Amino acid sequence: MHTGCQWKELPIEKIHFGQPEIHHTRIFRTFQRWQKDGCFKSIFVGTVHSLFQNNLLDTSIVHGDGSTTPSKKGW
């Protein structure tokens, strides 16, 4: 069973003799580095801040994701 992004399934162009121009593990390592450096969080916070400054942030509807919230006694 696989969940999440399957890096080896990325559509990577082929070069000489059918070799991929970049290996999927290089892409994964770059993703991990950006995640560790807080790049994605900075993009998110900057986007929300920009929306707020331009009066485009609509918080009238908020969808919460409880997929990681533990359920006590299965309720």
C-alpha atoms as a PDB file:
ATOM      1  CA  MET A   1       0.000   0.000   0.000  1.00  0.00           C
ATOM      2  CA  HIS A   2       1.289   3.461  -0.887  1.00  0.00           C
ATOM      3  CA  THR A   3       0.054   6.773   0.453  1.00  0.00           C
ATOM      4  CA  GLY A   4       1.045  10.297  -0.421  1.00  0.00           C
ATOM      5  CA  CYS A   5       3.209  11.308  -3.360  1.00  0.00           C
ATOM      6  CA  GLN A   6       4.884   8.489  -5.251  1.00  0.00           C
ATOM      7  CA  TRP A   7       8.050  10.251  -6.341  1.00  0.00           C
ATOM      8  CA  LYS A   8       9.074   7.552  -8.808  1.00  0.00           C
ATOM      9  CA  GLU A   9       5.822   8.197 -10.731  1.00  0.00           C
ATOM     10  CA  LEU A  10       6.726  11.811 -11.571  1.00  0.00           C
ATOM     11  CA  PRO A  11       6.675  12.513 -15.328  1.00  0.00           C
ATOM     12  CA  ILE A  12      10.390  13.069 -15.919  1.00  0.00           C
ATOM     13  CA  GLU A  13      11.679  13.657 -19.453  1.00  0.00           C
ATOM     14  CA  LYS A  14      14.143  11.150 -20.893  1.00  0.00           C
ATOM     15  CA  ILE A  15      17.475  12.060 -22.438  1.00  0.00           C
ATOM     16  CA  HIS A  16      20.068   9.938 -24.234  1.00  0.00           C
ATOM     17  CA  PHE A  17      19.473   6.181 -24.220  1.00  0.00           C
ATOM     18  CA  GLY A  18      16.232   6.529 -22.254  1.00  0.00           C
ATOM     19  CA  GLN A  19      17.917   7.846 -19.117  1.00  0.00           C
ATOM     20  CA  PRO A  20      15.847  10.298 -17.038  1.00  0.00           C
ATOM     21  CA  GLU A  21      17.180  13.864 -17.097  1.00  0.00           C
ATOM     22  CA  ILE A  22      16.904  13.968 -13.298  1.00  0.00           C
ATOM     23  CA  HIS A  23      16.336  11.158 -10.795  1.00  0.00           C
ATOM     24  CA  HIS A  24      13.204  11.244  -8.656  1.00  0.00           C
ATOM     25  CA  THR A  25      15.285  10.964  -5.473  1.00  0.00           C
ATOM     26  CA  ARG A  26      16.924  14.319  -6.251  1.00  0.00           C
ATOM     27  CA  ILE A  27      13.483  15.915  -6.457  1.00  0.00           C
ATOM     28  CA  PHE A  28      12.467  14.245  -3.179  1.00  0.00           C
ATOM     29  CA  ARG A  29      15.640  15.421  -1.402  1.00  0.00           C
ATOM     30  CA  THR A  30      15.039  18.979  -2.613  1.00  0.00           C
ATOM     31  CA  PHE A  31      11.434  18.789  -1.357  1.00  0.00           C
ATOM     32  CA  GLN A  32      12.679  17.547   2.031  1.00  0.00           C
ATOM     33  CA  ARG A  33      15.230  20.395   2.243  1.00  0.00           C
ATOM     34  CA  TRP A  34      12.574  23.004   1.442  1.00  0.00           C
ATOM     35  CA  GLN A  35      10.271  21.471   4.039  1.00  0.00           C
ATOM     36  CA  LYS A  36      13.031  21.444   6.694  1.00  0.00           C
ATOM     37  CA  ASP A  37      14.006  25.058   5.884  1.00  0.00           C
ATOM     38  CA  GLY A  38      10.411  26.206   6.395  1.00  0.00           C
ATOM     39  CA  CYS A  39       9.984  27.281   2.777  1.00  0.00           C
ATOM     40  CA  PHE A  40       6.410  25.981   2.465  1.00  0.00           C
ATOM     41  CA  LYS A  41       5.366  27.576   5.750  1.00  0.00           C
ATOM     42  CA  SER A  42       6.815  30.916   4.614  1.00  0.00           C
ATOM     43  CA  ILE A  43       4.919  30.710   1.326  1.00  0.00           C
ATOM     44  CA  PHE A  44       1.679  29.921   3.169  1.00  0.00           C
ATOM     45  CA  VAL A  45       2.099  32.676   5.760  1.00  0.00           C
ATOM     46  CA  GLY A  46       3.100  35.196   3.083  1.00  0.00           C
ATOM     47  CA  THR A  47       0.079  34.310   0.955  1.00  0.00           C
ATOM     48  CA  VAL A  48      -2.337  34.632   3.875  1.00  0.00           C
ATOM     49  CA  HIS A  49      -0.728  37.950   4.856  1.00  0.00           C
ATOM     50  CA  SER A  50      -1.038  39.264   1.285  1.00  0.00           C
ATOM     51  CA  LEU A  51      -4.692  38.224   1.099  1.00  0.00           C
ATOM     52  CA  PHE A  52      -5.347  39.941   4.441  1.00  0.00           C
ATOM     53  CA  GLN A  53      -3.622  43.156   3.366  1.00  0.00           C
ATOM     54  CA  ASN A  54      -5.678  43.277   0.158  1.00  0.00           C
ATOM     55  CA  ASN A  55      -8.911  42.573   2.065  1.00  0.00           C
ATOM     56  CA  LEU A  56      -9.348  39.279   0.182  1.00  0.00           C
ATOM     57  CA  LEU A  57      -9.123  36.904   3.149  1.00  0.00           C
ATOM     58  CA  ASP A  58     -12.522  35.309   3.754  1.00  0.00           C
ATOM     59  CA  THR A  59     -12.689  33.505   7.093  1.00  0.00           C
ATOM     60  CA  SER A  60     -16.468  33.085   7.044  1.00  0.00           C
ATOM     61  CA  ILE A  61     -15.961  29.454   6.059  1.00  0.00           C
ATOM     62  CA  VAL A  62     -13.200  27.442   7.678  1.00  0.00           C
ATOM     63  CA  HIS A  63     -12.778  23.741   6.995  1.00  0.00           C
ATOM     64  CA  GLY A  64     -11.026  21.883   9.765  1.00  0.00           C
ATOM     65  CA  ASP A  65      -9.224  18.646   9.080  1.00  0.00           C
ATOM     66  CA  GLY A  66      -9.611  16.198  11.930  1.00  0.00           C
ATOM     67  CA  SER A  67      -7.834  13.310  10.227  1.00  0.00           C
ATOM     68  CA  THR A  68      -5.008  13.434  12.776  1.00  0.00           C
ATOM     69  CA  THR A  69      -7.225  14.042  15.802  1.00  0.00           C
ATOM     70  CA  PRO A  70      -7.384  11.002  18.066  1.00  0.00           C
ATOM     71  CA  SER A  71     -10.806   9.628  18.875  1.00  0.00           C
ATOM     72  CA  LYS A  72     -11.340   8.712  22.514  1.00  0.00           C
ATOM     73  CA  LYS A  73     -12.950   5.289  22.791  1.00  0.00           C
ATOM     74  CA  GLY A  74     -13.908   5.389  19.095  1.00  0.00           C
ATOM     75  CA  TRP A  75     -16.515   8.170  19.471  1.00  0.00           C
END
